[in-house]
Protein backbone atom coordinates (compact mmCIF):
# COMPACT_ATOMS: atom_id res chain seq x y z
CA MET A 1 -2.55 33.60 -24.36
CA ASN A 2 -1.70 30.52 -22.95
CA PRO A 3 1.72 30.20 -21.75
CA GLY A 4 3.88 27.02 -20.09
CA ARG A 5 3.00 25.99 -16.97
CA TYR A 6 4.22 27.57 -13.71
CA ASP A 7 4.86 26.28 -9.90
CA CYS A 8 2.71 29.06 -8.85
CA VAL A 9 0.69 31.83 -9.91
CA VAL A 10 0.12 34.77 -7.48
CA VAL A 11 -2.80 37.10 -8.18
CA GLY A 12 -1.55 40.82 -6.79
CA SER A 13 1.36 42.22 -6.06
CA GLY A 14 0.96 44.35 -2.99
CA MET A 15 2.25 43.17 0.69
CA GLY A 16 1.00 39.70 0.59
CA GLY A 17 1.38 38.94 -3.01
CA GLY A 18 4.90 40.44 -3.59
CA THR A 19 6.22 38.80 -0.41
CA VAL A 20 4.94 35.31 -0.77
CA ALA A 21 5.87 35.50 -4.61
CA ARG A 22 9.68 36.60 -3.66
CA GLU A 23 9.82 33.92 -1.18
CA LEU A 24 8.89 31.09 -3.22
CA SER A 25 11.02 32.27 -6.12
CA ARG A 26 14.03 32.30 -3.90
CA ARG A 27 13.44 28.80 -2.99
CA GLY A 28 13.66 27.90 -6.61
CA LYS A 29 9.93 28.06 -7.36
CA ARG A 30 8.69 29.07 -11.23
CA VAL A 31 6.27 31.92 -10.10
CA LEU A 32 4.21 34.18 -12.12
CA VAL A 33 2.72 37.44 -10.41
CA LEU A 34 -0.46 38.84 -12.37
CA GLU A 35 -1.06 42.63 -11.49
CA LYS A 36 -4.20 44.27 -12.42
CA GLY A 37 -2.39 47.69 -12.25
CA ARG A 38 0.79 49.04 -13.99
CA ARG A 39 4.23 49.78 -12.91
CA GLU A 40 4.19 53.55 -12.47
CA GLN A 41 7.11 55.47 -13.16
CA LYS A 42 5.97 58.66 -11.22
CA VAL A 43 4.04 59.09 -8.00
CA GLY A 44 3.54 61.78 -5.55
CA THR A 45 0.90 64.00 -6.60
CA PHE A 46 -3.18 63.99 -6.56
CA ARG A 47 -3.04 64.05 -10.62
CA ASP A 48 -0.58 60.78 -10.37
CA ASP A 49 -3.43 59.24 -8.02
CA LEU A 50 -5.88 59.42 -10.83
CA ARG A 51 -4.05 56.71 -12.76
CA TYR A 52 -3.98 54.07 -9.74
CA TYR A 53 -6.33 54.82 -7.07
CA ASP A 54 -9.53 53.09 -7.69
CA GLY A 55 -12.31 55.45 -8.52
CA ASN A 56 -14.83 56.91 -10.94
CA ALA A 57 -13.45 57.75 -14.17
CA VAL A 58 -15.87 60.73 -14.59
CA THR A 59 -15.98 62.61 -11.24
CA GLN A 60 -12.72 61.61 -10.19
CA THR A 61 -13.44 60.78 -6.60
CA PRO A 62 -12.78 57.42 -4.96
CA HIS A 63 -15.31 54.59 -5.04
CA LYS A 64 -17.89 54.25 -1.76
CA SER A 65 -19.91 51.62 -0.22
CA LYS A 66 -23.34 51.17 -1.22
CA GLU A 67 -24.02 53.15 2.29
CA GLY A 68 -21.66 55.90 1.33
CA THR A 69 -18.32 54.88 3.18
CA ILE A 70 -15.43 56.18 1.02
CA LEU A 71 -12.98 53.16 0.06
CA TRP A 72 -9.36 53.98 -0.45
CA ARG A 73 -7.52 51.32 -2.71
CA THR A 74 -5.02 51.25 -5.56
CA PHE A 75 -4.05 49.03 -8.43
CA MET A 76 -0.70 49.17 -9.02
CA ALA A 77 2.75 47.50 -8.76
CA GLY A 78 3.21 47.01 -4.95
CA GLY A 79 -0.23 47.77 -4.28
CA SER A 80 -1.21 49.62 -1.34
CA THR A 81 2.22 49.54 0.16
CA VAL A 82 3.26 52.56 -2.40
CA VAL A 83 0.66 55.09 -1.19
CA SER A 84 0.81 53.80 2.60
CA CYS A 85 2.06 56.16 5.40
CA ALA A 86 5.09 53.40 5.93
CA ASN A 87 3.73 52.39 9.36
CA GLY A 88 5.47 49.45 10.79
CA VAL A 89 3.74 48.00 13.59
CA ARG A 90 2.59 44.46 14.85
CA SER A 91 -0.91 43.77 14.72
CA LEU A 92 -3.28 40.85 15.70
CA GLU A 93 -0.19 38.85 16.21
CA GLY A 94 -1.68 37.20 19.72
CA GLU A 95 -5.01 36.39 17.61
CA LEU A 96 -3.21 34.82 14.97
CA ALA A 97 -1.25 32.73 17.26
CA SER A 98 -4.37 31.69 19.13
CA LEU A 99 -5.56 30.14 15.40
CA GLY A 100 -2.22 27.90 15.16
CA ILE A 101 -0.43 30.49 13.21
CA PRO A 102 2.84 31.82 15.19
CA LEU A 103 4.19 34.79 13.31
CA GLU A 104 7.24 35.72 15.57
CA ASN A 105 9.89 34.62 13.68
CA GLU A 106 8.24 35.92 10.28
CA LEU A 107 7.58 39.32 11.71
CA GLN A 108 11.30 39.82 12.78
CA GLU A 109 12.61 38.94 9.51
CA ILE A 110 10.29 41.50 7.93
CA GLU A 111 10.86 43.99 10.57
CA GLU A 112 14.72 43.72 9.50
CA GLU A 113 14.46 43.82 6.08
CA LEU A 114 11.99 46.85 5.92
CA GLY A 115 14.35 48.50 8.69
CA VAL A 116 11.61 49.38 11.01
CA SER A 117 12.21 51.71 13.61
CA PRO A 118 10.64 54.75 15.50
CA ILE A 119 10.40 57.74 13.22
CA ASP A 120 13.65 60.10 13.31
CA GLU A 121 12.40 63.06 15.57
CA ARG A 122 14.20 65.34 13.00
CA LEU A 123 11.19 64.93 10.78
CA LEU A 124 8.42 65.95 12.96
CA SER A 125 6.67 68.88 12.23
CA GLU A 126 6.23 71.81 14.56
CA GLY A 127 2.46 71.14 14.69
CA SER A 128 2.80 67.32 15.88
CA ARG A 129 5.16 68.41 18.38
CA ALA A 130 2.53 70.70 19.73
CA LEU A 131 -0.21 68.22 19.49
CA ALA A 132 2.04 65.71 21.44
CA ALA A 133 2.91 68.16 24.15
CA ALA A 134 -1.07 69.10 24.38
CA ALA A 135 -1.77 65.30 24.66
CA THR A 136 0.88 64.83 27.46
CA GLY A 137 -0.65 67.63 29.40
CA LEU A 138 -4.16 66.17 29.22
CA GLY A 139 -2.72 62.72 30.39
CA TYR A 140 -2.98 60.99 27.07
CA ASP A 141 -0.05 58.88 25.64
CA MET A 142 1.52 60.13 22.33
CA GLN A 143 4.63 58.18 20.94
CA LEU A 144 6.75 57.93 17.82
CA MET A 145 5.46 55.90 15.22
CA PRO A 146 7.72 52.90 14.10
CA LYS A 147 8.25 53.42 10.32
CA PHE A 148 10.05 51.91 7.15
CA ILE A 149 11.46 55.15 5.90
CA CYS A 150 15.05 56.09 5.22
CA SER A 151 15.31 59.55 7.06
CA GLU A 152 18.34 60.74 5.12
CA LYS A 153 16.11 60.56 1.87
CA CYS A 154 12.80 61.91 3.15
CA HIS A 155 12.12 65.64 2.25
CA LYS A 156 9.31 66.09 4.58
CA CYS A 157 6.89 66.64 1.82
CA GLY A 158 4.04 65.15 3.70
CA ASN A 159 2.67 63.36 0.51
CA CYS A 160 3.07 59.70 1.61
CA VAL A 161 -0.64 58.61 0.43
CA HIS A 162 0.44 59.80 -2.94
CA GLY A 163 3.45 57.72 -3.31
CA CYS A 164 6.96 58.81 -2.44
CA LEU A 165 8.71 61.08 -4.89
CA ARG A 166 12.38 60.32 -3.30
CA GLY A 167 12.12 56.53 -2.76
CA ALA A 168 12.43 57.12 1.15
CA LYS A 169 9.50 54.81 1.63
CA TRP A 170 10.04 50.97 1.47
CA THR A 171 7.38 49.63 -0.88
CA ALA A 172 6.45 45.93 -2.08
CA VAL A 173 7.99 46.97 -5.60
CA ALA A 174 11.30 45.92 -3.89
CA GLN A 175 9.79 42.50 -3.62
CA LEU A 176 9.12 42.63 -7.68
CA ASP A 177 12.58 43.53 -8.52
CA HIS A 178 14.01 40.66 -6.39
CA LEU A 179 11.45 38.16 -8.04
CA GLN A 180 12.51 39.08 -11.61
CA GLU A 181 16.02 39.29 -10.46
CA GLN A 182 15.46 35.35 -9.40
CA GLY A 183 13.82 34.48 -12.60
CA GLY A 184 10.33 35.11 -11.90
CA GLU A 185 7.61 36.81 -14.22
CA ILE A 186 5.33 39.59 -13.69
CA TRP A 187 2.07 40.41 -15.97
CA TYR A 188 0.98 43.70 -15.56
CA GLY A 189 -2.49 44.93 -16.68
CA ALA A 190 -3.62 41.24 -16.19
CA ASP A 191 -7.25 41.27 -14.40
CA ALA A 192 -7.56 37.93 -13.13
CA GLU A 193 -11.28 36.97 -12.92
CA ARG A 194 -11.34 33.56 -11.50
CA VAL A 195 -9.56 30.58 -10.68
CA VAL A 196 -9.56 27.39 -13.17
CA VAL A 197 -10.51 24.18 -11.00
CA GLU A 198 -10.40 20.58 -12.24
CA ASN A 199 -11.48 17.69 -10.12
CA GLY A 200 -11.55 19.67 -7.12
CA ARG A 201 -8.07 21.34 -7.35
CA ALA A 202 -6.94 24.58 -8.38
CA THR A 203 -4.60 24.55 -11.75
CA GLY A 204 -4.52 27.79 -12.98
CA VAL A 205 -6.10 31.28 -13.34
CA GLU A 206 -8.29 32.95 -16.33
CA GLY A 207 -8.79 36.52 -16.77
CA ARG A 208 -8.09 39.71 -19.55
CA ARG A 209 -5.07 41.32 -20.60
CA GLU A 210 -4.85 43.99 -23.17
CA LYS A 211 -8.41 43.00 -24.27
CA GLU A 212 -7.28 39.69 -24.82
CA THR A 213 -8.33 36.23 -22.63
CA PHE A 214 -5.33 34.46 -20.88
CA ARG A 215 -5.23 31.30 -18.72
CA ALA A 216 -2.04 31.16 -16.68
CA MET A 217 -1.55 27.44 -15.42
CA ALA A 218 0.17 26.31 -11.82
CA ASP A 219 0.39 23.50 -9.86
CA THR A 220 -0.42 26.14 -7.06
CA VAL A 221 -2.74 29.46 -6.85
CA ILE A 222 -2.36 32.39 -4.53
CA VAL A 223 -4.81 34.87 -4.56
CA ALA A 224 -3.57 38.32 -2.84
CA ALA A 225 -5.88 40.70 -4.45
CA GLY A 226 -7.01 42.54 -1.72
CA GLY A 227 -9.91 42.30 0.96
CA LEU A 228 -12.25 43.86 -1.68
CA GLY A 229 -10.57 42.12 -4.88
CA THR A 230 -9.98 38.43 -3.46
CA PRO A 231 -13.36 37.65 -2.08
CA ALA A 232 -15.09 38.53 -5.73
CA ILE A 233 -12.34 36.07 -7.39
CA LEU A 234 -13.16 33.40 -4.80
CA GLN A 235 -16.98 33.58 -5.40
CA GLN A 236 -16.43 33.90 -9.33
CA SER A 237 -14.47 30.38 -8.73
CA GLY A 238 -17.39 29.00 -6.81
CA LEU A 239 -16.14 29.50 -3.24
CA GLU A 240 -18.48 31.49 -0.57
CA ALA A 241 -16.44 34.53 0.48
CA GLY A 242 -16.95 38.18 1.09
CA ARG A 243 -18.62 38.17 4.01
CA GLY A 244 -17.97 40.22 7.22
CA LEU A 245 -15.77 43.09 5.75
CA PHE A 246 -14.06 45.42 8.00
CA ILE A 247 -12.06 48.30 6.68
CA ASP A 248 -10.48 50.18 9.91
CA LEU A 249 -12.75 52.80 9.80
CA PHE A 250 -11.41 56.35 10.19
CA VAL A 251 -12.21 60.10 10.25
CA ASN A 252 -9.92 62.98 10.22
CA THR A 253 -10.39 66.21 12.76
CA TYR A 254 -9.15 69.38 11.13
CA GLY A 255 -8.58 72.82 12.74
CA THR A 256 -7.04 76.21 12.04
CA THR A 257 -4.38 77.82 14.27
CA THR A 258 -2.05 80.47 14.08
CA GLY A 259 1.84 79.59 13.77
CA LEU A 260 1.20 75.99 13.38
CA ASN A 261 0.71 73.37 10.59
CA GLN A 262 2.13 69.89 9.95
CA ILE A 263 3.05 70.58 6.10
CA HIS A 264 6.55 69.29 6.59
CA GLU A 265 6.63 65.73 8.01
CA PRO A 266 5.60 62.24 7.02
CA THR A 267 1.93 61.44 7.67
CA MET A 268 1.05 59.93 10.83
CA ALA A 269 4.47 60.71 12.47
CA MET A 270 3.22 60.09 16.17
CA VAL A 271 0.39 57.56 17.59
CA GLY A 272 -1.67 57.56 20.54
CA LEU A 273 -2.47 53.97 21.59
CA GLN A 274 -3.89 54.43 24.96
CA SER A 275 -7.51 53.46 23.95
CA HIS A 276 -6.47 51.20 21.38
CA GLU A 277 -7.46 47.99 23.39
CA ASP A 278 -10.17 48.94 25.80
CA GLU A 279 -11.96 51.39 23.56
CA GLY A 280 -11.13 50.27 20.10
CA PHE A 281 -9.55 53.54 18.52
CA LEU A 282 -6.35 55.24 17.83
CA ILE A 283 -5.46 58.72 17.25
CA SER A 284 -2.39 60.23 15.42
CA PRO A 285 -1.49 63.56 13.97
CA TYR A 286 -2.76 63.51 10.23
CA VAL A 287 -3.12 66.12 7.58
CA GLN A 288 -3.93 65.85 4.15
CA HIS A 289 -2.38 68.54 1.83
CA SER A 290 -4.32 68.15 -1.30
CA LYS A 291 -7.40 70.55 -1.96
CA PRO A 292 -9.19 67.71 -4.09
CA VAL A 293 -9.09 65.23 -1.27
CA PHE A 294 -10.09 68.05 1.31
CA LEU A 295 -12.97 68.51 -0.82
CA ILE A 296 -13.50 64.72 -1.06
CA GLU A 297 -13.31 64.53 2.80
CA VAL A 298 -15.18 67.74 4.03
CA GLY A 299 -16.97 69.10 1.22
CA ARG A 300 -16.88 72.79 -0.05
CA GLN A 301 -15.53 73.59 3.67
CA GLY A 302 -12.47 71.87 2.61
CA LEU A 303 -11.61 74.35 -0.31
CA LEU A 304 -11.24 77.17 2.21
CA MET A 305 -8.68 75.50 4.19
CA SER A 306 -5.24 76.48 4.16
CA ASP A 307 -2.81 73.71 4.87
CA LYS A 308 -0.57 76.50 6.12
CA LYS A 309 -2.47 77.17 9.13
CA LEU A 310 -4.02 73.77 9.61
CA ILE A 311 -3.55 71.06 12.27
CA GLY A 312 -5.41 67.60 12.27
CA MET A 313 -5.71 64.08 13.73
CA MET A 314 -6.71 60.95 12.58
CA THR A 315 -8.94 58.58 14.48
CA LYS A 316 -8.79 54.81 13.21
CA VAL A 317 -11.01 52.30 14.82
CA ARG A 318 -11.40 48.59 15.11
CA ASP A 319 -14.69 48.26 13.05
CA GLU A 320 -17.23 45.54 13.12
CA ARG A 321 -17.08 42.94 10.44
CA ALA A 322 -20.26 44.16 8.38
CA GLY A 323 -21.42 44.19 4.85
CA GLY A 324 -19.31 42.54 2.45
CA VAL A 325 -18.19 42.23 -1.11
CA CYS A 326 -20.54 40.45 -3.93
CA ALA A 327 -19.27 38.57 -6.94
CA ASP A 328 -19.39 41.79 -9.15
CA GLY A 329 -17.15 43.73 -6.84
CA SER A 330 -19.91 45.79 -5.17
CA VAL A 331 -19.33 46.58 -1.93
CA SER A 332 -21.60 46.98 1.45
CA LYS A 333 -20.15 48.37 4.33
CA PRO A 334 -22.14 50.08 7.01
CA VAL A 335 -21.11 51.88 9.87
CA THR A 336 -22.70 50.51 12.95
CA ARG A 337 -23.81 52.22 15.98
CA SER A 338 -20.80 50.93 17.74
CA ASP A 339 -18.51 51.87 15.03
CA GLN A 340 -20.08 55.44 15.14
CA GLU A 341 -19.55 55.64 18.87
CA LYS A 342 -16.04 54.75 18.91
CA LEU A 343 -15.49 57.28 15.90
CA ASP A 344 -17.26 59.84 18.00
CA ARG A 345 -15.26 59.18 20.78
CA GLY A 346 -11.72 59.21 19.18
CA SER A 347 -12.72 62.64 17.31
CA ASP A 348 -13.92 64.25 20.58
CA ARG A 349 -10.67 63.42 22.22
CA CYS A 350 -8.85 64.90 18.80
CA ARG A 351 -10.58 68.23 19.15
CA GLU A 352 -9.62 68.43 22.73
CA ILE A 353 -6.10 67.73 22.05
CA MET A 354 -6.14 70.22 19.20
CA VAL A 355 -7.79 72.92 21.35
CA LYS A 356 -5.10 72.83 24.01
CA ALA A 357 -2.55 72.85 21.17
CA GLY A 358 -3.89 76.23 19.90
CA ALA A 359 -6.58 75.37 17.14
CA ASN A 360 -9.81 77.72 17.18
CA PRO A 361 -12.72 75.60 18.52
CA LYS A 362 -14.87 77.17 16.01
CA SER A 363 -12.97 76.03 13.09
CA ILE A 364 -12.92 72.26 13.84
CA VAL A 365 -14.33 70.10 11.36
CA VAL A 366 -14.56 66.14 11.25
CA SER A 367 -14.09 64.29 7.75
CA LYS A 368 -16.64 62.05 6.17
CA VAL A 369 -16.24 58.33 7.05
CA GLN A 370 -13.53 56.34 5.33
CA GLY A 371 -11.55 53.25 5.33
CA ALA A 372 -8.39 51.89 4.04
CA HIS A 373 -7.67 48.29 5.43
CA PRO A 374 -10.34 46.08 4.09
CA GLY A 375 -10.45 42.62 5.03
CA GLY A 376 -11.94 39.65 6.66
CA THR A 377 -13.53 38.81 3.53
CA ALA A 378 -11.74 35.18 3.41
CA ALA A 379 -11.22 34.58 7.36
CA ILE A 380 -9.27 32.00 8.77
CA GLY A 381 -11.62 29.44 10.12
CA GLU A 382 -14.30 30.20 7.41
CA VAL A 383 -13.03 30.59 4.14
CA VAL A 384 -9.28 29.43 4.75
CA ASP A 385 -7.74 27.09 7.18
CA GLN A 386 -4.58 27.64 8.98
CA ASN A 387 -2.39 26.92 6.19
CA LEU A 388 -4.06 29.74 4.31
CA GLU A 389 -5.79 26.97 1.99
CA THR A 390 -9.33 27.09 0.68
CA LYS A 391 -11.67 24.10 0.41
CA ILE A 392 -10.19 23.98 -3.20
CA SER A 393 -6.66 22.16 -2.93
CA GLY A 394 -4.04 24.18 -3.92
CA LEU A 395 -5.99 27.55 -3.83
CA PHE A 396 -4.63 29.83 -1.17
CA VAL A 397 -5.17 33.55 -0.07
CA CYS A 398 -2.70 35.49 1.52
CA ASP A 399 -3.64 39.46 2.15
CA ALA A 400 -5.95 40.78 4.61
CA SER A 401 -8.94 38.94 3.40
CA VAL A 402 -7.47 35.98 5.87
CA LEU A 403 -7.44 38.34 8.92
CA PRO A 404 -10.28 37.08 11.58
CA THR A 405 -10.92 40.67 12.87
CA ALA A 406 -10.25 44.17 12.40
CA PRO A 407 -6.80 45.02 13.65
CA GLY A 408 -7.46 48.87 14.08
CA LEU A 409 -3.71 49.21 13.27
CA PRO A 410 -1.64 49.18 10.14
CA PRO A 411 -1.94 45.62 9.19
CA MET A 412 1.13 45.63 6.44
CA LEU A 413 3.69 43.86 8.39
CA THR A 414 1.39 41.21 9.48
CA ILE A 415 0.44 40.65 5.90
CA GLY A 416 4.04 40.41 5.32
CA ALA A 417 4.72 37.89 7.60
CA LEU A 418 1.86 36.01 6.41
CA GLY A 419 3.38 35.86 3.12
CA LYS A 420 6.77 34.37 4.58
CA TYR A 421 4.67 32.09 6.35
CA LEU A 422 2.63 30.74 3.58
CA ALA A 423 5.93 30.23 1.42
CA LYS A 424 7.64 28.24 4.05
CA LYS A 425 4.29 25.84 4.29
CA LEU A 426 4.41 25.63 0.63
CA VAL A 427 8.14 24.26 0.14
CA ALA A 428 8.22 22.38 3.23
């Protein structure tokens, strides 16, 4: 499979890949997107998850690092945007500006395109309202989470992380639709393995699709396969990458109540940022409604939990860049002492708030350590420069891999802004 030459080949169709591909196409470039997954026609349940979440085909559980940290990621059109909580917050804006990458204009553009605004209070559950009141009573802040959700379409099913059945949540699939309208191409089921390099310059991408090898040739190659996928491709292409992994580690704290739950609301409807800067963690109301996921998170005890009597909160931390990704895709991600201390402080605060809100202290349980925002594995200043270009001329990276440190916040807006920033650089 060796088609004609393109102006740009983009590996990955998530927030970074989808955005930069669309922006380049609208500027007249002939663009090909290579996506390992498929374009899913049905999402919204755990059964659907089994098709697109990365996991063990036999046990149907998510992959873990060598140290046992749960790793959540998907292979599908639109990438993790499809299963995100639709949180529209800025992250690392100052840090990137200090590295010569000002994103104010790009962030404004993407916020307008996605319709980012604080969640409509009508979508809040009684459980989250009680948690917010309890937090305020204890002297902690709790504010409405900025979201890219259409409140009129949202049916408050609480299944955001499985994909939105109603289309209420913006996803990068919209970027792919725009791309195709503008004449761009997308190959689904295309597993990119390495970048073709000739005389020190990237000239295309090699991989496999439908059991056949392919070579897609282009003047520019942009790898946007995510914090776990991108470094493996870069290493297979002769670059040093993969070190310094962060994943925004998190744990969920759950407890049973009488008369309260968080079933009917979008996930992470509110956020407490009081300790984000000085202590390195945030807290947010959060409950997972899937029994299989409860089992993964807390073990057999999860099977006994009734979501009709359950309230919960997430603790997400700015974890240290530790471990990494090997060329074969295997992952090392230890939980350092500092990371664990932040997780413990955050979960203790969640417990305090939940008990005040009415949770039975004896019922409270904390989940296993997890992560869903992998990055840092092709960091600016280490693997790419301020133009997001590697040492191989014409080879760029545009995803969370380039972020220099863990945001401890949803990175989607920042990644989208980087996609716009890179497209402008490439056509300047």
